[in-house]
Amino acid sequence: MRTLICGSLAYDTIMVFEGRFKDQILPDQIHILNVSFYVPAMRRDFGGTAGNIAYNLKLLGGTPIVMATVGGDAAPYLARIEALGIDAQHVVTMPDAFTAQCFITTDLDDNQITAFHPGAMSSSPLNHVDDATDIGLAIIAPDSRDGMIQHARELATARIPFVFDPGQGLPMFSGDELMEFIELADYVTVNEYEAKMLAERTQRTFEGLAQSVKALIVTQGGLGSTIYARDGVHVVPSVRPERIADPTGCGDAYRGGLLYGLAGGMDWPTTGRLASTMGALKIASQGPQNHAPTRDEVRDVFSRAFGYNPW
């Protein structure tokens, strides 16, 4: 099934400060803060919600179609997408803008200082769902505010089932706007913190939110996830990772597994467990797109964890 991934393509620049922020910042001088961190370790990763989700879905053998906007510096990313065999015909290039970029500085205590430049992502409303054909499933992942609203409405009008994944974009929307997304969507997926914020802003309980969709999926990191579906509540255990290297992109890896299960008609326990498996495989690698298990390797990790094969 062709799955439309609406979201961002971004570069993640990750720097490591070999000290502690707290030792460099004077609490009584925050109002005139002026600090510089020496970062001898730096790497640049391919990221963004649409890129990460599509990458994981492709690993499983799915057919992702990326819908995003990028800047004039996107040639390396576009070449990578093409090499991976991911359909990028609905990626629009804005020559005079930068591709969305995230700059993250981490200290020895794993504290982070992050700066995000949206760049071309702000032009995401230039893309229209009707431009994509033969789409059986979609996801609205964090993107520009106007783009997320537009694409959700277009998917609903086209009667294409979709997952609403507000992620870090959730604070951009009011309670009424979030309820509109939920009423248009077929599925909603959030992490535990986002779920609490979603419930607070919409003045609904988790169970109440779940009644508006086919399922509300709440991820809980190392504790697994909980799926509030129409056939009951499914508690999904996590998968023990080979090692914990970097949590960046784990949520997107989970969503890649979620979309694969939905597209393939898997039951909720299997879909959730496959999603957890993808998260565990990702966390063992640095960066959001540097893990590269084969489909058979994913199956083997799943079967060792749960005692049966997902396919």
Protein backbone atom coordinates (compact mmCIF):
# COMPACT_ATOMS: atom_id res chain seq x y z
CA MET A 1 0.00 0.00 0.00
CA ARG A 2 1.32 3.45 -0.95
CA THR A 3 1.63 5.53 2.20
CA LEU A 4 1.84 9.33 2.08
CA ILE A 5 4.24 10.82 4.65
CA CYS A 6 3.48 14.51 5.23
CA GLY A 7 6.14 16.16 7.36
CA SER A 8 9.61 17.66 7.27
CA LEU A 9 12.95 16.84 5.72
CA ALA A 10 15.73 18.36 7.82
CA TYR A 11 19.41 18.29 8.57
CA ASP A 12 20.36 17.55 12.18
CA THR A 13 23.72 18.99 13.26
CA ILE A 14 24.70 17.42 16.57
CA MET A 15 27.63 18.76 18.60
CA VAL A 16 29.12 17.42 21.84
CA PHE A 17 30.44 19.77 24.51
CA GLU A 18 32.95 17.86 26.61
CA GLY A 19 31.91 19.61 29.79
CA ARG A 20 28.75 20.55 31.67
CA PHE A 21 26.54 23.49 30.87
CA LYS A 22 25.97 24.14 34.57
CA ASP A 23 29.68 24.84 35.05
CA GLN A 24 29.65 27.51 32.33
CA ILE A 25 26.45 29.35 33.23
CA LEU A 26 26.22 31.70 36.22
CA PRO A 27 22.67 31.46 37.60
CA ASP A 28 22.61 35.09 38.75
CA GLN A 29 23.74 36.29 35.29
CA ILE A 30 21.11 34.56 33.14
CA HIS A 31 19.69 37.95 32.17
CA ILE A 32 22.96 38.83 30.39
CA LEU A 33 23.84 35.34 29.17
CA ASN A 34 26.79 35.24 26.77
CA VAL A 35 28.48 31.84 26.56
CA SER A 36 30.46 29.85 24.03
CA PHE A 37 30.98 26.08 24.04
CA TYR A 38 33.96 24.37 22.44
CA VAL A 39 32.58 21.35 20.55
CA PRO A 40 35.35 19.16 19.09
CA ALA A 41 32.85 16.40 18.17
CA MET A 42 30.22 17.15 15.54
CA ARG A 43 28.18 15.18 13.04
CA ARG A 44 25.47 15.98 10.53
CA ASP A 45 22.58 13.57 10.10
CA PHE A 46 19.67 13.31 7.73
CA GLY A 47 16.50 13.86 9.72
CA GLY A 48 13.07 15.45 9.81
CA THR A 49 9.84 13.68 10.61
CA ALA A 50 8.92 12.73 7.03
CA GLY A 51 12.44 11.55 6.22
CA ASN A 52 12.76 9.46 9.37
CA ILE A 53 9.34 7.83 9.12
CA ALA A 54 9.75 7.08 5.41
CA TYR A 55 13.20 5.59 6.03
CA ASN A 56 11.87 3.15 8.63
CA LEU A 57 8.83 2.21 6.59
CA LYS A 58 11.09 1.50 3.61
CA LEU A 59 13.31 -0.76 5.76
CA LEU A 60 10.25 -2.91 6.40
CA GLY A 61 9.39 -3.16 2.72
CA GLY A 62 6.65 -0.52 2.72
CA THR A 63 6.02 2.05 0.00
CA PRO A 64 6.40 5.55 1.46
CA ILE A 65 5.67 8.68 -0.58
CA VAL A 66 7.29 11.77 0.95
CA MET A 67 5.49 15.13 0.82
CA ALA A 68 7.69 17.96 2.10
CA THR A 69 9.40 21.24 1.17
CA VAL A 70 13.18 21.69 1.13
CA GLY A 71 15.68 24.45 0.37
CA GLY A 72 18.34 25.00 -2.22
CA ASP A 73 20.85 23.05 -0.08
CA ALA A 74 18.84 19.81 -0.23
CA ALA A 75 20.75 18.08 -3.05
CA PRO A 76 22.57 15.59 -0.75
CA TYR A 77 19.31 14.66 0.98
CA LEU A 78 17.40 14.27 -2.28
CA ALA A 79 20.19 12.09 -3.66
CA ARG A 80 19.98 9.91 -0.56
CA ILE A 81 16.22 9.53 -0.87
CA GLU A 82 16.59 8.54 -4.50
CA ALA A 83 19.30 6.01 -3.63
CA LEU A 84 17.00 4.47 -1.01
CA GLY A 85 14.26 4.04 -3.57
CA ILE A 86 11.84 6.35 -1.74
CA ASP A 87 9.38 8.29 -3.90
CA ALA A 88 10.15 12.01 -3.59
CA GLN A 89 8.17 13.40 -6.52
CA HIS A 90 6.10 15.46 -4.04
CA VAL A 91 9.12 17.14 -2.43
CA VAL A 92 9.10 20.80 -3.48
CA THR A 93 12.38 22.74 -3.58
CA MET A 94 12.48 26.41 -2.54
CA PRO A 95 15.79 27.58 -4.10
CA ASP A 96 16.10 30.74 -2.00
CA ALA A 97 15.54 29.06 1.37
CA PHE A 98 17.50 26.66 3.55
CA THR A 99 16.25 23.17 4.26
CA ALA A 100 14.91 22.94 7.81
CA GLN A 101 17.82 22.48 10.22
CA CYS A 102 18.20 21.52 13.85
CA PHE A 103 21.36 22.41 15.78
CA ILE A 104 21.79 20.40 18.98
CA THR A 105 24.58 20.81 21.52
CA THR A 106 24.78 18.07 24.17
CA ASP A 107 26.89 18.13 27.34
CA LEU A 108 28.32 15.27 29.41
CA ASP A 109 25.11 15.10 31.48
CA ASP A 110 23.04 14.62 28.30
CA ASN A 111 21.53 18.08 28.67
CA GLN A 112 20.74 19.67 25.33
CA ILE A 113 20.57 23.18 23.90
CA THR A 114 18.69 23.15 20.61
CA ALA A 115 18.05 25.73 17.90
CA PHE A 116 15.65 24.95 15.05
CA HIS A 117 15.44 26.84 11.77
CA PRO A 118 12.25 25.93 9.82
CA GLY A 119 13.49 27.34 6.52
CA ALA A 120 11.64 25.89 3.52
CA MET A 121 9.39 23.86 5.82
CA SER A 122 7.27 27.01 6.26
CA SER A 123 6.20 26.64 2.64
CA SER A 124 4.63 23.20 3.12
CA PRO A 125 1.12 24.45 2.15
CA LEU A 126 2.42 24.58 -1.44
CA ASN A 127 1.98 20.79 -1.44
CA HIS A 128 -1.51 19.38 -1.94
CA VAL A 129 -2.66 15.87 -1.13
CA ASP A 130 -4.64 15.69 -4.39
CA ASP A 131 -1.34 15.83 -6.30
CA ALA A 132 -0.49 12.32 -5.01
CA THR A 133 -2.25 9.32 -6.53
CA ASP A 134 -3.09 5.79 -5.38
CA ILE A 135 -2.60 6.61 -1.70
CA GLY A 136 -4.13 4.13 0.72
CA LEU A 137 -2.85 5.51 4.02
CA ALA A 138 -1.16 8.70 5.27
CA ILE A 139 0.38 10.36 8.29
CA ILE A 140 0.41 14.03 9.29
CA ALA A 141 3.72 14.44 11.13
CA PRO A 142 5.14 17.70 12.57
CA ASP A 143 5.50 20.30 9.83
CA SER A 144 4.47 23.93 9.45
CA ARG A 145 1.25 24.83 11.26
CA ASP A 146 -0.65 25.81 8.11
CA GLY A 147 0.63 22.81 6.20
CA MET A 148 -0.53 20.35 8.87
CA ILE A 149 -4.03 21.86 8.97
CA GLN A 150 -4.32 21.97 5.19
CA HIS A 151 -3.11 18.42 4.63
CA ALA A 152 -5.38 16.99 7.33
CA ARG A 153 -8.42 18.61 5.74
CA GLU A 154 -7.37 17.49 2.26
CA LEU A 155 -6.88 13.90 3.40
CA ALA A 156 -10.29 13.87 5.07
CA THR A 157 -11.94 15.31 1.95
CA ALA A 158 -10.22 12.66 -0.17
CA ARG A 159 -11.34 10.00 2.34
CA ILE A 160 -7.81 8.75 2.80
CA PRO A 161 -7.34 7.26 6.29
CA PHE A 162 -4.54 8.97 8.18
CA VAL A 163 -2.58 9.09 11.40
CA PHE A 164 -2.35 12.40 13.23
CA ASP A 165 1.08 12.72 14.86
CA PRO A 166 1.36 16.24 16.36
CA GLY A 167 4.71 15.60 18.08
CA GLN A 168 6.67 18.72 18.94
CA GLY A 169 4.17 20.73 16.89
CA LEU A 170 1.37 20.15 19.39
CA PRO A 171 1.86 23.47 21.26
CA MET A 172 1.10 25.35 18.02
CA PHE A 173 -2.57 24.40 18.20
CA SER A 174 -5.49 25.33 20.44
CA GLY A 175 -7.78 22.76 21.99
CA ASP A 176 -10.44 23.35 19.32
CA GLU A 177 -7.87 22.95 16.54
CA LEU A 178 -6.57 19.74 18.04
CA MET A 179 -10.11 18.38 18.26
CA GLU A 180 -10.58 19.17 14.57
CA PHE A 181 -7.48 17.11 13.75
CA ILE A 182 -8.73 14.25 15.92
CA GLU A 183 -12.20 14.28 14.36
CA LEU A 184 -10.69 14.25 10.86
CA ALA A 185 -8.11 11.54 11.60
CA ASP A 186 -8.51 7.79 11.87
CA TYR A 187 -5.63 7.33 14.31
CA VAL A 188 -3.69 9.55 16.73
CA THR A 189 -0.18 8.79 18.00
CA VAL A 190 1.64 10.74 20.72
CA ASN A 191 4.21 10.13 23.42
CA GLU A 192 3.16 10.11 27.06
CA TYR A 193 3.94 13.78 27.69
CA GLU A 194 2.16 14.84 24.50
CA ALA A 195 -0.83 12.67 25.44
CA LYS A 196 -1.21 14.52 28.73
CA MET A 197 -0.92 17.88 26.97
CA LEU A 198 -3.44 16.75 24.35
CA ALA A 199 -5.89 15.67 27.04
CA GLU A 200 -5.43 18.94 28.93
CA ARG A 201 -5.89 21.17 25.89
CA THR A 202 -8.95 19.30 24.60
CA GLN A 203 -10.36 18.67 28.10
CA ARG A 204 -10.76 14.98 27.29
CA THR A 205 -9.52 11.80 28.96
CA PHE A 206 -7.37 9.33 27.02
CA GLU A 207 -10.40 7.08 26.73
CA GLY A 208 -12.52 10.02 25.58
CA LEU A 209 -10.00 10.95 22.90
CA ALA A 210 -9.85 7.32 21.76
CA GLN A 211 -13.60 7.29 21.18
CA SER A 212 -13.16 9.85 18.39
CA VAL A 213 -10.73 7.67 16.39
CA LYS A 214 -10.09 4.03 15.60
CA ALA A 215 -7.12 4.07 17.97
CA LEU A 216 -5.06 6.37 20.18
CA ILE A 217 -1.47 5.16 20.42
CA VAL A 218 0.58 6.44 23.37
CA THR A 219 4.30 5.63 23.44
CA GLN A 220 6.09 5.43 26.78
CA GLY A 221 9.76 5.07 25.90
CA GLY A 222 11.39 2.09 27.60
CA LEU A 223 8.08 1.12 29.19
CA GLY A 224 6.54 0.29 25.83
CA SER A 225 3.26 1.73 24.57
CA THR A 226 -0.47 1.60 25.13
CA ILE A 227 -3.00 1.39 22.30
CA TYR A 228 -6.53 2.55 23.11
CA ALA A 229 -8.50 0.85 20.32
CA ARG A 230 -12.14 0.08 19.71
CA ASP A 231 -11.59 -3.58 20.56
CA GLY A 232 -9.99 -2.72 23.91
CA VAL A 233 -6.79 -1.40 25.44
CA HIS A 234 -3.59 -3.14 24.32
CA VAL A 235 -0.50 -2.81 26.52
CA VAL A 236 2.56 -3.32 24.31
CA PRO A 237 5.90 -4.17 25.94
CA SER A 238 9.13 -2.61 24.79
CA VAL A 239 11.95 -4.55 23.15
CA ARG A 240 15.29 -4.69 24.95
CA PRO A 241 17.79 -2.94 22.66
CA GLU A 242 21.24 -4.28 21.93
CA ARG A 243 22.57 -1.03 23.39
CA ILE A 244 21.37 2.51 24.03
CA ALA A 245 23.30 4.87 21.79
CA ASP A 246 20.94 7.71 20.84
CA PRO A 247 17.16 8.15 21.30
CA THR A 248 16.92 10.69 18.46
CA GLY A 249 14.37 9.42 15.95
CA CYS A 250 13.04 6.52 18.03
CA GLY A 251 9.51 7.90 17.90
CA ASP A 252 9.70 8.14 14.12
CA ALA A 253 11.01 4.57 13.91
CA TYR A 254 8.02 3.45 15.98
CA ARG A 255 5.72 5.26 13.57
CA GLY A 256 7.33 3.51 10.60
CA GLY A 257 6.41 0.18 12.20
CA LEU A 258 2.94 1.47 13.06
CA LEU A 259 2.26 2.47 9.45
CA TYR A 260 3.54 -0.86 8.15
CA GLY A 261 1.21 -2.75 10.47
CA LEU A 262 -1.78 -0.59 9.53
CA ALA A 263 -1.07 -0.90 5.81
CA GLY A 264 -0.71 -4.66 6.12
CA GLY A 265 -3.86 -5.19 8.18
CA MET A 266 -1.99 -6.56 11.21
CA ASP A 267 -3.81 -6.81 14.54
CA TRP A 268 -3.04 -4.20 17.20
CA PRO A 269 -0.77 -6.36 19.41
CA THR A 270 1.41 -7.29 16.41
CA THR A 271 1.41 -3.75 15.01
CA GLY A 272 2.46 -2.30 18.37
CA ARG A 273 5.16 -4.91 18.87
CA LEU A 274 6.57 -4.33 15.40
CA ALA A 275 6.65 -0.59 16.11
CA SER A 276 8.47 -1.25 19.40
CA THR A 277 10.96 -3.46 17.57
CA MET A 278 11.79 -0.64 15.16
CA GLY A 279 12.32 1.75 18.06
CA ALA A 280 14.72 -0.68 19.74
CA LEU A 281 16.71 -1.16 16.55
CA LYS A 282 17.01 2.59 16.09
CA ILE A 283 18.13 3.44 19.62
CA ALA A 284 21.19 1.22 19.19
CA SER A 285 22.58 3.58 16.51
CA GLN A 286 23.65 7.22 16.50
CA GLY A 287 21.39 9.48 14.45
CA PRO A 288 17.84 8.93 13.21
CA GLN A 289 18.65 7.14 9.95
CA ASN A 290 21.89 5.21 10.51
CA HIS A 291 20.39 1.88 11.58
CA ALA A 292 19.99 -0.45 8.60
CA PRO A 293 18.54 -3.84 9.56
CA THR A 294 17.22 -6.05 6.80
CA ARG A 295 13.60 -7.12 6.88
CA ASP A 296 14.72 -10.59 7.96
CA GLU A 297 16.75 -9.10 10.80
CA VAL A 298 13.71 -7.13 11.97
CA ARG A 299 11.69 -10.35 11.92
CA ASP A 300 14.35 -12.18 13.94
CA VAL A 301 14.52 -9.48 16.63
CA PHE A 302 10.71 -9.46 16.82
CA SER A 303 10.45 -13.25 17.10
CA ARG A 304 13.12 -13.44 19.83
CA ALA A 305 11.29 -10.78 21.82
CA PHE A 306 7.73 -12.04 21.39
CA GLY A 307 7.93 -15.71 20.46
CA TYR A 308 6.30 -15.55 17.04
CA ASN A 309 6.96 -14.04 13.59
CA PRO A 310 5.21 -10.85 12.46
CA TRP A 311 5.00 -12.18 8.86
